[in-house]
């Protein structure tokens, strides 16, 4: 009984295999009858692919590499522990950086604030200076038809303009431009979590725009980064500078007062000591102001040293240079790919069309 079941299983498998081979042969013969249509579709697809590659504008990529270096204060023990952990293969992250470390800095560079600030920066092309936003709209021919729209007629983005004064239309367009740049044209990556070297890649169909936007974004990020990181130390220096200038002015006034008082008592009768009291008071002011000024100058210089330590150093390693790297789909590749895709889709259409006719028959 078991032997009979085994033989039946083999027979069923053989029949199924034969049916499969016959079905494949049937489809093959059917497609052979449609070879002219398949070849024609392949030729049309190839021509479409070739035409696309021929008229497609090349994409230029500007790449800038920089490193963030800052003074690490009071981190001796922690830095040593991190170094030991790293040597053992344990990644505990960076000891410094805070909101501007690693991926946070990358997200900051993609933020609307910095991208918009970059778009409002100047670029000079053929002797004409305008904002990067206006230049982008110009070479992409996005302003066509704006003159027929009252709200958009004459709309532009002045260099370093105050965002608070923008109209609703300016705000909407600039917001759209910055979002599009951050999503489609801007790539920022850190080479390694243990290395503070960051690459900025900007792609565009305009070579000058790609280079200018890349370099300006790095500059704006550097300015903002330095401003935030050294804000407290810089405010301290400004306060001490104002106090020092004020005491110096008081000291100069006191010195002038001493000289004036001395002139007033010149050849005065020695018995009239009351007349000498203003000069004595001014002399005390000179001594007090001199002591305060000495202390303030010392503190000011120490604060300036602290500010220099707090100010991170932005090191540009590689800048984009002309000619930029050009990316464009090859004509031969587009021809072959377009022809293959069109032929494959035609085969699928013929197969499913034939199956559908058999089902409804």
Protein backbone atom coordinates (compact mmCIF):
# COMPACT_ATOMS: atom_id res chain seq x y z
CA UNK A 1 0.00 0.00 0.00
CA UNK A 2 2.85 2.38 0.91
CA UNK A 3 4.66 1.47 -2.34
CA UNK A 4 1.54 2.33 -4.36
CA UNK A 5 1.23 5.77 -2.69
CA UNK A 6 4.90 6.48 -3.40
CA UNK A 7 4.47 5.62 -7.08
CA UNK A 8 1.40 7.86 -7.32
CA UNK A 9 3.36 10.76 -5.76
CA UNK A 10 6.14 10.34 -8.32
CA UNK A 11 3.59 10.21 -11.13
CA UNK A 12 1.91 13.41 -9.89
CA UNK A 13 5.26 15.21 -9.63
CA UNK A 14 6.17 14.08 -13.14
CA UNK A 15 2.83 15.27 -14.51
CA UNK A 16 3.22 18.65 -12.75
CA UNK A 17 6.73 19.08 -14.15
CA UNK A 18 5.56 18.18 -17.63
CA UNK A 19 2.68 20.64 -17.34
CA UNK A 20 5.09 23.38 -16.24
CA UNK A 21 7.43 22.74 -19.16
CA UNK A 22 4.53 22.68 -21.59
CA UNK A 23 3.11 25.88 -20.14
CA UNK A 24 6.48 27.66 -20.43
CA UNK A 25 6.81 26.45 -24.01
CA UNK A 26 3.29 27.67 -24.74
CA UNK A 27 4.04 31.15 -23.36
CA UNK A 28 7.34 31.24 -25.23
CA UNK A 29 5.65 30.46 -28.51
CA UNK A 30 2.96 33.02 -27.77
CA UNK A 31 5.54 35.76 -27.08
CA UNK A 32 7.40 34.80 -30.27
CA UNK A 33 4.29 35.66 -32.22
CA UNK A 34 4.38 39.10 -30.61
CA UNK A 35 8.12 39.73 -31.12
CA UNK A 36 7.55 42.71 -33.38
CA UNK A 37 5.50 44.49 -30.72
CA UNK A 38 8.08 43.69 -28.00
CA UNK A 39 10.98 44.87 -30.15
CA UNK A 40 9.10 48.04 -31.13
CA UNK A 41 8.37 48.78 -27.47
CA UNK A 42 12.04 48.21 -26.62
CA UNK A 43 13.16 50.59 -29.38
CA UNK A 44 10.71 53.28 -28.23
CA UNK A 45 11.79 52.82 -24.60
CA UNK A 46 15.44 53.02 -25.60
CA UNK A 47 14.83 56.23 -27.56
CA UNK A 48 12.98 57.74 -24.59
CA UNK A 49 15.87 56.84 -22.28
CA UNK A 50 18.43 58.24 -24.71
CA UNK A 51 16.44 61.48 -25.15
CA UNK A 52 16.14 61.89 -21.37
CA UNK A 53 19.89 61.47 -20.91
CA UNK A 54 20.65 63.82 -23.80
CA UNK A 55 18.55 66.71 -22.52
CA UNK A 56 19.10 66.12 -18.80
CA UNK A 57 21.13 68.86 -17.13
CA UNK A 58 24.20 67.60 -15.25
CA UNK A 59 24.21 67.79 -11.46
CA UNK A 60 27.23 69.38 -9.80
CA UNK A 61 28.34 68.40 -6.30
CA UNK A 62 30.33 70.74 -4.04
CA UNK A 63 32.05 69.13 -1.06
CA UNK A 64 33.53 70.91 1.95
CA UNK A 65 35.27 69.17 4.84
CA UNK A 66 35.85 70.85 8.20
CA UNK A 67 36.67 70.00 11.79
CA UNK A 68 35.48 71.55 15.03
CA UNK A 69 38.22 72.02 17.62
CA UNK A 70 37.59 73.58 21.00
CA UNK A 71 39.50 74.05 24.24
CA UNK A 72 38.67 71.31 26.72
CA UNK A 73 38.91 72.65 30.25
CA UNK A 74 38.79 70.55 33.38
CA UNK A 75 38.35 67.33 31.48
CA UNK A 76 41.67 65.68 32.23
CA UNK A 77 40.33 62.78 34.28
CA UNK A 78 37.24 62.29 32.14
CA UNK A 79 39.25 62.50 28.92
CA UNK A 80 41.63 59.89 30.27
CA UNK A 81 38.73 57.61 31.17
CA UNK A 82 37.19 58.06 27.73
CA UNK A 83 40.53 57.33 26.08
CA UNK A 84 40.95 54.15 28.11
CA UNK A 85 37.38 53.04 27.32
CA UNK A 86 37.97 53.72 23.63
CA UNK A 87 41.16 51.63 23.63
CA UNK A 88 39.13 48.76 25.10
CA UNK A 89 36.55 49.08 22.33
CA UNK A 90 33.91 50.80 24.47
CA UNK A 91 32.35 53.92 22.95
CA UNK A 92 31.19 56.29 25.71
CA UNK A 93 30.72 59.24 23.39
CA UNK A 94 32.42 62.62 23.49
CA UNK A 95 33.25 64.45 26.69
CA UNK A 96 32.44 67.86 25.26
CA UNK A 97 30.23 69.48 22.71
CA UNK A 98 26.80 69.39 24.31
CA UNK A 99 24.12 70.63 21.95
CA UNK A 100 26.70 71.07 19.17
CA UNK A 101 28.29 67.64 19.26
CA UNK A 102 28.19 65.16 16.37
CA UNK A 103 24.71 64.53 15.01
CA UNK A 104 23.33 67.58 16.84
CA UNK A 105 25.64 69.84 14.86
CA UNK A 106 24.60 68.11 11.64
CA UNK A 107 20.93 68.74 12.39
CA UNK A 108 21.76 72.35 13.28
CA UNK A 109 23.32 72.86 9.84
CA UNK A 110 20.13 71.53 8.22
CA UNK A 111 17.91 73.76 10.35
CA UNK A 112 15.64 76.32 8.70
CA UNK A 113 17.39 79.16 10.54
CA UNK A 114 20.83 78.49 9.05
CA UNK A 115 19.63 77.41 5.59
CA UNK A 116 17.51 80.56 5.27
CA UNK A 117 20.39 82.72 6.50
CA UNK A 118 22.58 81.11 3.86
CA UNK A 119 19.99 81.74 1.13
CA UNK A 120 19.91 85.44 2.10
CA UNK A 121 23.70 85.74 1.77
CA UNK A 122 25.24 87.47 -1.28
CA UNK A 123 26.64 85.93 -4.45
CA UNK A 124 28.23 87.83 -7.34
CA UNK A 125 27.83 86.39 -10.84
CA UNK A 126 28.84 88.30 -13.98
CA UNK A 127 29.20 91.52 -11.98
CA UNK A 128 25.70 91.25 -10.51
CA UNK A 129 25.36 90.86 -6.74
CA UNK A 130 22.20 89.33 -5.37
CA UNK A 131 21.07 86.91 -2.68
CA UNK A 132 21.51 83.17 -3.19
CA UNK A 133 17.72 82.81 -3.00
CA UNK A 134 17.17 85.22 -5.91
CA UNK A 135 19.94 83.55 -7.91
CA UNK A 136 18.37 80.11 -7.28
CA UNK A 137 14.97 81.34 -8.47
CA UNK A 138 16.63 82.94 -11.50
CA UNK A 139 18.59 80.00 -12.92
CA UNK A 140 15.70 77.61 -12.21
CA UNK A 141 13.36 80.01 -14.04
CA UNK A 142 10.92 79.89 -11.14
CA UNK A 143 9.94 83.57 -11.48
CA UNK A 144 8.26 83.07 -14.86
CA UNK A 145 4.69 84.23 -14.67
CA UNK A 146 5.14 86.11 -11.38
CA UNK A 147 4.55 89.46 -13.09
CA UNK A 148 0.98 88.37 -13.88
CA UNK A 149 0.31 87.74 -10.18
CA UNK A 150 -0.14 90.94 -8.13
CA UNK A 151 1.12 89.38 -4.88
CA UNK A 152 4.29 87.99 -6.51
CA UNK A 153 5.12 90.79 -8.93
CA UNK A 154 8.57 92.22 -8.18
CA UNK A 155 9.08 89.86 -5.24
CA UNK A 156 12.72 89.40 -4.28
CA UNK A 157 14.91 88.53 -1.31
CA UNK A 158 17.33 91.36 -0.39
CA UNK A 159 20.77 90.44 0.91
CA UNK A 160 20.89 89.94 4.70
CA UNK A 161 17.31 91.20 4.98
CA UNK A 162 15.47 91.25 8.29
CA UNK A 163 13.19 88.21 8.34
CA UNK A 164 10.71 90.05 10.55
CA UNK A 165 9.92 92.47 7.71
CA UNK A 166 9.09 89.76 5.14
CA UNK A 167 5.63 89.55 3.64
CA UNK A 168 3.56 86.37 3.81
CA UNK A 169 4.55 85.52 0.22
CA UNK A 170 8.27 86.05 0.88
CA UNK A 171 8.09 84.00 4.04
CA UNK A 172 6.24 81.16 2.32
CA UNK A 173 8.60 80.99 -0.69
CA UNK A 174 11.76 81.21 1.40
CA UNK A 175 10.47 78.54 3.75
CA UNK A 176 9.76 76.27 0.77
CA UNK A 177 13.21 76.90 -0.71
CA UNK A 178 14.99 76.11 2.57
CA UNK A 179 12.95 72.92 3.11
CA UNK A 180 13.68 71.77 -0.45
CA UNK A 181 17.40 72.48 -0.13
CA UNK A 182 17.68 70.65 3.20
CA UNK A 183 15.79 67.61 1.89
CA UNK A 184 16.98 67.25 -1.71
CA UNK A 185 20.22 69.17 -2.23
CA UNK A 186 22.04 69.07 1.09
CA UNK A 187 23.87 66.10 2.60
CA UNK A 188 25.84 66.45 5.83
CA UNK A 189 27.63 63.51 7.41
CA UNK A 190 30.22 62.83 10.08
CA UNK A 191 32.93 60.48 8.90
CA UNK A 192 33.08 58.68 12.23
CA UNK A 193 31.58 59.20 15.68
CA UNK A 194 35.07 59.26 17.16
CA UNK A 195 36.28 61.87 14.66
CA UNK A 196 35.00 65.45 14.66
CA UNK A 197 35.37 65.81 10.88
CA UNK A 198 32.21 66.67 8.97
CA UNK A 199 31.48 66.65 5.23
CA UNK A 200 29.04 69.06 3.60
CA UNK A 201 27.78 68.02 0.15
CA UNK A 202 25.61 70.37 -1.91
CA UNK A 203 24.20 69.23 -5.25
CA UNK A 204 22.70 71.54 -7.85
CA UNK A 205 22.36 71.88 -11.61
CA UNK A 206 24.22 75.21 -11.26
CA UNK A 207 27.93 74.89 -10.48
CA UNK A 208 28.40 78.38 -9.03
CA UNK A 209 25.38 78.09 -6.75
CA UNK A 210 26.51 74.71 -5.39
CA UNK A 211 29.96 76.04 -4.47
CA UNK A 212 28.69 79.31 -3.00
CA UNK A 213 25.93 77.67 -0.95
CA UNK A 214 28.33 75.05 0.42
CA UNK A 215 30.94 77.57 1.55
CA UNK A 216 28.39 80.08 2.91
CA UNK A 217 26.60 77.41 4.95
CA UNK A 218 29.89 76.42 6.56
CA UNK A 219 30.65 80.08 7.34
CA UNK A 220 27.19 80.78 8.82
CA UNK A 221 27.39 77.63 10.94
CA UNK A 222 30.83 78.63 12.16
CA UNK A 223 29.65 82.12 13.12
CA UNK A 224 26.58 80.82 14.94
CA UNK A 225 28.55 78.05 16.66
CA UNK A 226 31.23 80.44 17.92
CA UNK A 227 28.63 82.99 19.02
CA UNK A 228 26.70 80.48 21.14
CA UNK A 229 29.69 78.60 22.57
CA UNK A 230 31.51 81.78 23.69
CA UNK A 231 28.44 83.85 24.61
CA UNK A 232 28.93 83.83 28.41
CA UNK A 233 32.65 84.55 28.25
CA UNK A 234 32.10 87.32 25.70
CA UNK A 235 29.42 88.99 27.86
CA UNK A 236 31.80 88.88 30.82
CA UNK A 237 34.53 90.55 28.78
CA UNK A 238 32.12 93.26 27.58
CA UNK A 239 31.01 94.04 31.15
CA UNK A 240 34.59 94.22 32.44
CA UNK A 241 35.57 96.39 29.47
CA UNK A 242 32.81 98.89 30.27
CA UNK A 243 33.79 98.98 33.95
CA UNK A 244 37.45 99.45 33.06
CA UNK A 245 36.66 102.30 30.66
CA UNK A 246 34.46 103.96 33.31
CA UNK A 247 37.12 103.76 36.06
CA UNK A 248 39.80 104.97 33.63
CA UNK A 249 37.66 108.02 32.83
CA UNK A 250 37.19 108.68 36.57
CA UNK A 251 40.93 108.34 37.16
CA UNK A 252 41.73 110.79 34.38
CA UNK A 253 39.21 113.23 35.86
CA UNK A 254 40.74 112.82 39.33
CA UNK A 255 44.26 113.44 37.99
CA UNK A 256 43.01 116.58 36.25
CA UNK A 257 41.33 117.64 39.54
CA UNK A 258 44.57 117.23 41.46
CA UNK A 259 46.42 119.39 38.95
CA UNK A 260 43.67 122.04 39.07
CA UNK A 261 43.69 122.09 42.88
CA UNK A 262 47.47 122.45 42.87
CA UNK A 263 47.17 125.46 40.58
CA UNK A 264 44.65 127.06 42.91
CA UNK A 265 46.92 126.82 45.98
CA UNK A 266 50.13 127.87 44.28
CA UNK A 267 52.04 130.31 46.56
CA UNK A 268 49.16 130.05 49.09
CA UNK A 269 49.86 131.06 52.69
CA UNK A 270 50.88 127.91 54.57
CA UNK A 271 48.51 128.82 57.41
CA UNK A 272 45.45 128.46 55.14
CA UNK A 273 45.28 124.61 55.04
CA UNK A 274 41.50 124.54 54.38
CA UNK A 275 42.14 125.70 50.85
CA UNK A 276 44.30 122.59 50.30
CA UNK A 277 41.54 120.07 51.20
CA UNK A 278 40.02 119.74 47.64
CA UNK A 279 43.41 118.71 46.28
CA UNK A 280 43.82 116.15 49.06
CA UNK A 281 40.41 114.66 48.34
CA UNK A 282 41.20 114.41 44.63
CA UNK A 283 44.50 112.72 45.49
CA UNK A 284 42.58 110.07 47.46
CA UNK A 285 40.31 109.58 44.42
CA UNK A 286 43.38 109.09 42.24
CA UNK A 287 44.79 106.42 44.56
CA UNK A 288 41.44 104.59 44.89
CA UNK A 289 40.76 104.66 41.16
CA UNK A 290 44.30 103.52 40.41
CA UNK A 291 43.82 100.47 42.65
CA UNK A 292 40.44 99.62 41.12
CA UNK A 293 41.73 100.12 37.59
CA UNK A 294 44.68 97.82 38.23
CA UNK A 295 42.36 95.09 39.51
CA UNK A 296 39.90 95.53 36.63
CA UNK A 297 42.62 95.44 33.98
CA UNK A 298 43.96 92.22 35.49
CA UNK A 299 40.48 90.64 35.52
CA UNK A 300 39.82 91.90 31.98
CA UNK A 301 42.95 90.28 30.60
CA UNK A 302 42.14 87.01 32.40
CA UNK A 303 38.60 87.12 30.95
CA UNK A 304 40.00 87.68 27.45
CA UNK A 305 42.20 84.62 27.89
CA UNK A 306 39.17 82.62 29.05
CA UNK A 307 37.23 83.84 26.01
CA UNK A 308 39.97 82.67 23.68
CA UNK A 309 39.85 79.24 25.35
CA UNK A 310 36.07 79.11 25.09
CA UNK A 311 36.06 80.12 21.42
CA UNK A 312 36.10 76.96 19.25
CA UNK A 313 38.40 76.84 16.25
CA UNK A 314 36.77 76.03 12.92
CA UNK A 315 39.30 74.33 10.68
CA UNK A 316 38.43 74.06 6.98
CA UNK A 317 40.22 71.01 5.61
CA UNK A 318 39.01 70.88 2.00
CA UNK A 319 37.06 73.51 0.07
CA UNK A 320 35.10 72.95 -3.16
CA UNK A 321 37.09 74.08 -6.19
CA UNK A 322 36.15 74.43 -9.85
CA UNK A 323 35.43 72.34 -11.81
CA UNK A 324 33.08 70.56 -9.44
CA UNK A 325 32.31 66.86 -9.62
CA UNK A 326 29.70 66.35 -12.34
CA UNK A 327 27.03 63.66 -12.18
CA UNK A 328 25.00 62.73 -15.26
CA UNK A 329 23.30 59.57 -16.52
CA UNK A 330 25.17 58.08 -19.50
CA UNK A 331 23.39 58.04 -22.87
CA UNK A 332 24.26 54.39 -23.58
CA UNK A 333 23.17 53.31 -20.12
CA UNK A 334 19.85 55.15 -20.47
CA UNK A 335 19.33 53.65 -23.95
CA UNK A 336 19.84 50.07 -22.75
CA UNK A 337 17.91 50.53 -19.50
CA UNK A 338 14.98 52.25 -21.24
CA UNK A 339 14.78 49.57 -23.92
CA UNK A 340 14.95 46.71 -21.42
CA UNK A 341 12.34 48.26 -19.13
CA UNK A 342 9.91 48.99 -21.99
CA UNK A 343 10.32 45.45 -23.40
CA UNK A 344 9.83 43.86 -19.97
CA UNK A 345 6.68 45.88 -19.28
CA UNK A 346 5.32 44.93 -22.72
CA UNK A 347 5.89 41.22 -21.99
CA UNK A 348 4.07 41.56 -18.67
CA UNK A 349 1.19 43.34 -20.39
CA UNK A 350 0.88 40.61 -23.03
CA UNK A 351 0.97 37.80 -20.45
CA UNK A 352 -1.61 39.31 -18.12
CA UNK A 353 -3.78 40.38 -21.05
CA UNK A 354 -3.79 36.78 -22.38
CA UNK A 355 -4.60 35.38 -18.91
CA UNK A 356 -7.46 37.83 -18.51
CA UNK A 357 -8.96 36.84 -21.88
CA UNK A 358 -8.80 33.15 -20.91
CA UNK A 359 -10.50 33.85 -17.58
CA UNK A 360 -13.42 35.74 -19.10
CA UNK A 361 -13.78 33.36 -22.05
